[in-house]
Amino acid sequence: NKKDTIRFGTERPFDELVKYLDNSFYSLQGHSWGLEQGNNSVEDFYKKYKEYIKLSRWNESQNKNQFIRGLSSANQLEVRLCGLDLPLDELVDRLVKLEALESHTN
């Protein structure tokens, strides 16, 4: 499946993918946030997000958490399926590819 290839990459073994699905629990509660994806594409939201975080003093982990928190619920699920340990730039790249694939197949 093309979506699975984008989500997980081609190098990851099946056991690792199952582990992600079994052990993925991610809590973002308790964070204040003012920027949400809404109807924006992932790419456009990421551009706005990068401008927004210039005002913050968040570390890399907090930046990633806040970005995920602002995504649509469908894209938050895609992030979990891709793997929460991926660097933010790689997550965004995969989300953009998934979004393009989805719009191309519809």
N, C-alpha and C. Protein backbone atom coordinates (compact mmCIF):
# COMPACT_ATOMS: atom_id res chain seq x y z
N ASN A 1 0.84 -1.17 0.00
CA ASN A 1 0.00 0.00 0.00
C ASN A 1 0.89 1.24 0.00
N LYS A 2 0.62 2.17 -0.90
CA LYS A 2 1.44 3.37 -1.03
C LYS A 2 1.42 4.21 0.24
N LYS A 3 0.26 4.30 0.89
CA LYS A 3 0.18 5.08 2.13
C LYS A 3 1.08 4.49 3.21
N ASP A 4 1.07 3.17 3.35
CA ASP A 4 1.92 2.53 4.36
C ASP A 4 3.40 2.76 4.06
N THR A 5 3.77 2.74 2.79
CA THR A 5 5.16 2.98 2.42
C THR A 5 5.59 4.39 2.83
N ILE A 6 4.72 5.37 2.61
CA ILE A 6 5.03 6.75 3.01
C ILE A 6 5.06 6.87 4.52
N ARG A 7 4.07 6.28 5.19
CA ARG A 7 3.98 6.39 6.65
C ARG A 7 5.21 5.81 7.33
N PHE A 8 5.58 4.62 6.94
CA PHE A 8 6.59 3.88 7.68
C PHE A 8 7.96 3.87 7.00
N GLY A 9 8.04 4.32 5.79
CA GLY A 9 9.30 4.22 5.06
C GLY A 9 9.51 2.78 4.61
N THR A 10 10.39 2.58 3.70
CA THR A 10 10.57 1.24 3.14
C THR A 10 11.57 0.40 3.91
N GLU A 11 12.34 1.01 4.80
CA GLU A 11 13.40 0.30 5.50
C GLU A 11 12.96 -0.34 6.82
N ARG A 12 11.81 0.02 7.33
CA ARG A 12 11.42 -0.42 8.66
C ARG A 12 10.83 -1.83 8.63
N PRO A 13 11.28 -2.71 9.52
CA PRO A 13 10.75 -4.07 9.57
C PRO A 13 9.32 -4.09 10.13
N PHE A 14 8.58 -5.10 9.74
CA PHE A 14 7.19 -5.23 10.14
C PHE A 14 7.02 -5.25 11.66
N ASP A 15 7.91 -5.95 12.37
CA ASP A 15 7.82 -6.00 13.83
C ASP A 15 7.88 -4.61 14.45
N GLU A 16 8.70 -3.75 13.88
CA GLU A 16 8.82 -2.39 14.39
C GLU A 16 7.52 -1.61 14.15
N LEU A 17 6.89 -1.84 13.00
CA LEU A 17 5.63 -1.18 12.70
C LEU A 17 4.54 -1.61 13.68
N VAL A 18 4.48 -2.89 13.96
CA VAL A 18 3.50 -3.41 14.92
C VAL A 18 3.75 -2.81 16.30
N LYS A 19 5.01 -2.70 16.67
CA LYS A 19 5.36 -2.10 17.96
C LYS A 19 4.84 -0.67 18.06
N TYR A 20 4.99 0.10 16.98
CA TYR A 20 4.48 1.47 16.97
C TYR A 20 2.98 1.51 17.21
N LEU A 21 2.27 0.64 16.52
CA LEU A 21 0.82 0.64 16.65
C LEU A 21 0.39 0.19 18.04
N ASP A 22 1.11 -0.77 18.62
CA ASP A 22 0.77 -1.26 19.96
C ASP A 22 1.13 -0.28 21.06
N ASN A 23 2.23 0.42 20.91
CA ASN A 23 2.76 1.24 22.01
C ASN A 23 2.56 2.74 21.83
N SER A 24 1.89 3.15 20.77
CA SER A 24 1.74 4.59 20.53
C SER A 24 0.67 5.19 21.42
N PHE A 25 1.12 5.93 22.37
CA PHE A 25 0.21 6.75 23.15
C PHE A 25 0.89 8.09 23.35
N TYR A 26 0.23 9.11 22.98
CA TYR A 26 0.85 10.42 22.96
C TYR A 26 -0.07 11.43 23.61
N SER A 27 0.36 12.05 24.69
CA SER A 27 -0.47 13.02 25.39
C SER A 27 0.04 14.43 25.15
N LEU A 28 -0.84 15.27 24.70
CA LEU A 28 -0.49 16.68 24.50
C LEU A 28 -1.33 17.58 25.41
N GLN A 29 -1.96 17.00 26.41
CA GLN A 29 -2.81 17.78 27.30
C GLN A 29 -1.97 18.75 28.10
N GLY A 30 -2.59 19.83 28.47
CA GLY A 30 -1.93 20.80 29.32
C GLY A 30 -1.12 21.85 28.58
N HIS A 31 -1.14 21.81 27.26
CA HIS A 31 -0.40 22.80 26.48
C HIS A 31 -1.38 23.83 25.92
N SER A 32 -1.06 25.08 26.11
CA SER A 32 -1.88 26.11 25.49
C SER A 32 -1.44 26.26 24.04
N TRP A 33 -2.37 26.52 23.19
CA TRP A 33 -2.07 26.56 21.76
C TRP A 33 -3.05 27.47 21.06
N GLY A 34 -2.59 28.24 20.12
CA GLY A 34 -3.47 29.17 19.44
C GLY A 34 -3.50 29.01 17.94
N LEU A 35 -2.71 28.13 17.37
CA LEU A 35 -2.63 27.97 15.93
C LEU A 35 -3.11 26.58 15.55
N GLU A 36 -4.09 26.54 14.64
CA GLU A 36 -4.65 25.25 14.20
C GLU A 36 -4.64 25.19 12.68
N GLN A 37 -4.58 23.97 12.17
CA GLN A 37 -4.50 23.74 10.73
C GLN A 37 -5.74 24.22 10.00
N GLY A 38 -6.90 23.94 10.54
CA GLY A 38 -8.14 24.32 9.87
C GLY A 38 -8.21 23.73 8.47
N ASN A 39 -8.53 24.56 7.48
CA ASN A 39 -8.64 24.11 6.09
C ASN A 39 -7.32 24.23 5.32
N ASN A 40 -6.26 24.65 6.00
CA ASN A 40 -4.96 24.79 5.34
C ASN A 40 -4.36 23.43 5.01
N SER A 41 -3.57 23.40 3.96
CA SER A 41 -2.80 22.19 3.68
C SER A 41 -1.75 22.03 4.77
N VAL A 42 -1.19 20.85 4.89
CA VAL A 42 -0.13 20.62 5.87
C VAL A 42 1.05 21.56 5.59
N GLU A 43 1.40 21.69 4.33
CA GLU A 43 2.53 22.54 3.95
C GLU A 43 2.30 24.00 4.35
N ASP A 44 1.09 24.52 4.07
CA ASP A 44 0.78 25.90 4.44
C ASP A 44 0.74 26.08 5.96
N PHE A 45 0.16 25.11 6.64
CA PHE A 45 0.11 25.18 8.10
C PHE A 45 1.52 25.17 8.69
N TYR A 46 2.40 24.35 8.14
CA TYR A 46 3.78 24.27 8.64
C TYR A 46 4.51 25.61 8.43
N LYS A 47 4.27 26.26 7.31
CA LYS A 47 4.89 27.57 7.07
C LYS A 47 4.42 28.58 8.12
N LYS A 48 3.11 28.61 8.39
CA LYS A 48 2.57 29.52 9.41
C LYS A 48 3.10 29.16 10.79
N TYR A 49 3.18 27.88 11.05
CA TYR A 49 3.67 27.39 12.34
C TYR A 49 5.10 27.85 12.59
N LYS A 50 5.96 27.74 11.57
CA LYS A 50 7.36 28.13 11.73
C LYS A 50 7.49 29.62 12.07
N GLU A 51 6.61 30.44 11.51
CA GLU A 51 6.61 31.86 11.86
C GLU A 51 6.12 32.05 13.30
N TYR A 52 5.09 31.30 13.65
CA TYR A 52 4.49 31.40 14.99
C TYR A 52 5.48 31.03 16.08
N ILE A 53 6.27 29.99 15.88
CA ILE A 53 7.16 29.52 16.95
C ILE A 53 8.38 30.41 17.13
N LYS A 54 8.62 31.32 16.21
CA LYS A 54 9.72 32.26 16.39
C LYS A 54 9.52 33.08 17.66
N LEU A 55 8.26 33.21 18.08
CA LEU A 55 7.93 33.98 19.28
C LEU A 55 8.03 33.14 20.55
N SER A 56 8.20 31.85 20.39
CA SER A 56 8.20 30.95 21.55
C SER A 56 9.61 30.69 22.05
N ARG A 57 9.66 30.11 23.22
CA ARG A 57 10.95 29.66 23.77
C ARG A 57 10.92 28.14 23.95
N TRP A 58 10.14 27.48 23.12
CA TRP A 58 10.00 26.03 23.23
C TRP A 58 11.25 25.34 22.73
N ASN A 59 11.53 24.18 23.34
CA ASN A 59 12.62 23.35 22.83
C ASN A 59 12.09 22.54 21.65
N GLU A 60 12.95 21.75 21.04
CA GLU A 60 12.58 20.99 19.84
C GLU A 60 11.39 20.07 20.08
N SER A 61 11.39 19.39 21.21
CA SER A 61 10.30 18.48 21.55
C SER A 61 8.98 19.23 21.72
N GLN A 62 9.02 20.35 22.40
CA GLN A 62 7.82 21.16 22.58
C GLN A 62 7.32 21.70 21.25
N ASN A 63 8.24 22.13 20.39
CA ASN A 63 7.85 22.61 19.06
C ASN A 63 7.10 21.53 18.29
N LYS A 64 7.62 20.33 18.31
CA LYS A 64 7.00 19.22 17.61
C LYS A 64 5.62 18.91 18.21
N ASN A 65 5.54 18.87 19.53
CA ASN A 65 4.26 18.60 20.20
C ASN A 65 3.21 19.64 19.83
N GLN A 66 3.61 20.90 19.81
CA GLN A 66 2.67 21.96 19.50
C GLN A 66 2.22 21.89 18.04
N PHE A 67 3.12 21.54 17.15
CA PHE A 67 2.74 21.38 15.75
C PHE A 67 1.70 20.28 15.61
N ILE A 68 1.97 19.14 16.22
CA ILE A 68 1.04 18.00 16.15
C ILE A 68 -0.30 18.39 16.75
N ARG A 69 -0.27 19.09 17.87
CA ARG A 69 -1.49 19.53 18.55
C ARG A 69 -2.37 20.39 17.65
N GLY A 70 -1.74 21.20 16.79
CA GLY A 70 -2.48 22.09 15.92
C GLY A 70 -3.00 21.44 14.65
N LEU A 71 -2.54 20.23 14.35
CA LEU A 71 -3.00 19.53 13.14
C LEU A 71 -4.46 19.09 13.27
N SER A 72 -5.08 18.85 12.14
CA SER A 72 -6.42 18.27 12.14
C SER A 72 -6.36 16.89 12.79
N SER A 73 -7.49 16.41 13.27
CA SER A 73 -7.50 15.10 13.93
C SER A 73 -7.07 13.99 12.97
N ALA A 74 -7.43 14.11 11.70
CA ALA A 74 -7.02 13.10 10.71
C ALA A 74 -5.50 13.10 10.55
N ASN A 75 -4.90 14.27 10.53
CA ASN A 75 -3.44 14.34 10.39
C ASN A 75 -2.73 13.94 11.68
N GLN A 76 -3.35 14.17 12.83
CA GLN A 76 -2.77 13.68 14.09
C GLN A 76 -2.71 12.15 14.07
N LEU A 77 -3.74 11.52 13.53
CA LEU A 77 -3.73 10.06 13.40
C LEU A 77 -2.63 9.62 12.44
N GLU A 78 -2.48 10.32 11.33
CA GLU A 78 -1.42 9.99 10.38
C GLU A 78 -0.04 10.10 11.04
N VAL A 79 0.14 11.10 11.90
CA VAL A 79 1.41 11.25 12.61
C VAL A 79 1.67 10.03 13.47
N ARG A 80 0.66 9.56 14.16
CA ARG A 80 0.82 8.35 14.99
C ARG A 80 1.17 7.15 14.13
N LEU A 81 0.53 7.04 12.98
CA LEU A 81 0.81 5.91 12.09
C LEU A 81 2.21 6.00 11.49
N CYS A 82 2.68 7.20 11.24
CA CYS A 82 4.04 7.39 10.69
C CYS A 82 5.10 7.11 11.74
N GLY A 83 4.82 7.46 12.97
CA GLY A 83 5.78 7.27 14.06
C GLY A 83 6.11 8.57 14.74
N LEU A 84 5.81 8.64 16.01
CA LEU A 84 5.99 9.87 16.77
C LEU A 84 7.45 10.23 17.02
N ASP A 85 8.34 9.28 16.82
CA ASP A 85 9.76 9.55 17.09
C ASP A 85 10.48 10.18 15.90
N LEU A 86 9.80 10.32 14.77
CA LEU A 86 10.44 10.93 13.60
C LEU A 86 10.69 12.41 13.83
N PRO A 87 11.75 12.94 13.25
CA PRO A 87 11.98 14.39 13.32
C PRO A 87 10.82 15.14 12.66
N LEU A 88 10.56 16.34 13.13
CA LEU A 88 9.43 17.11 12.64
C LEU A 88 9.47 17.31 11.13
N ASP A 89 10.62 17.64 10.58
CA ASP A 89 10.71 17.84 9.12
C ASP A 89 10.32 16.60 8.35
N GLU A 90 10.72 15.43 8.84
CA GLU A 90 10.36 14.18 8.17
C GLU A 90 8.87 13.89 8.30
N LEU A 91 8.30 14.17 9.47
CA LEU A 91 6.85 14.00 9.65
C LEU A 91 6.09 14.89 8.67
N VAL A 92 6.49 16.14 8.58
CA VAL A 92 5.83 17.08 7.67
C VAL A 92 5.95 16.58 6.23
N ASP A 93 7.13 16.12 5.84
CA ASP A 93 7.34 15.61 4.49
C ASP A 93 6.39 14.45 4.19
N ARG A 94 6.25 13.53 5.13
CA ARG A 94 5.36 12.38 4.93
C ARG A 94 3.90 12.82 4.88
N LEU A 95 3.52 13.76 5.74
CA LEU A 95 2.14 14.25 5.72
C LEU A 95 1.82 14.95 4.40
N VAL A 96 2.76 15.73 3.89
CA VAL A 96 2.56 16.40 2.61
C VAL A 96 2.39 15.37 1.49
N LYS A 97 3.21 14.33 1.50
CA LYS A 97 3.10 13.27 0.49
C LYS A 97 1.78 12.53 0.60
N LEU A 98 1.36 12.23 1.83
CA LEU A 98 0.08 11.55 2.02
C LEU A 98 -1.08 12.41 1.55
N GLU A 99 -1.01 13.70 1.84
CA GLU A 99 -2.05 14.64 1.42
C GLU A 99 -2.11 14.71 -0.10
N ALA A 100 -0.95 14.76 -0.76
CA ALA A 100 -0.90 14.80 -2.22
C ALA A 100 -1.46 13.51 -2.82
N LEU A 101 -1.10 12.38 -2.23
CA LEU A 101 -1.61 11.10 -2.71
C LEU A 101 -3.13 11.04 -2.56
N GLU A 102 -3.63 11.50 -1.43
CA GLU A 102 -5.07 11.50 -1.17
C GLU A 102 -5.81 12.38 -2.18
N SER A 103 -5.30 13.57 -2.46
CA SER A 103 -5.97 14.47 -3.40
C SER A 103 -5.85 13.95 -4.84
N HIS A 104 -4.77 13.23 -5.12
CA HIS A 104 -4.57 12.68 -6.47
C HIS A 104 -5.49 11.49 -6.73
N THR A 105 -5.80 10.72 -5.69
CA THR A 105 -6.65 9.54 -5.86
C THR A 105 -8.14 9.87 -5.80
N ASN A 106 -8.48 11.06 -5.36
CA ASN A 106 -9.91 11.45 -5.29
C ASN A 106 -10.35 12.18 -6.52
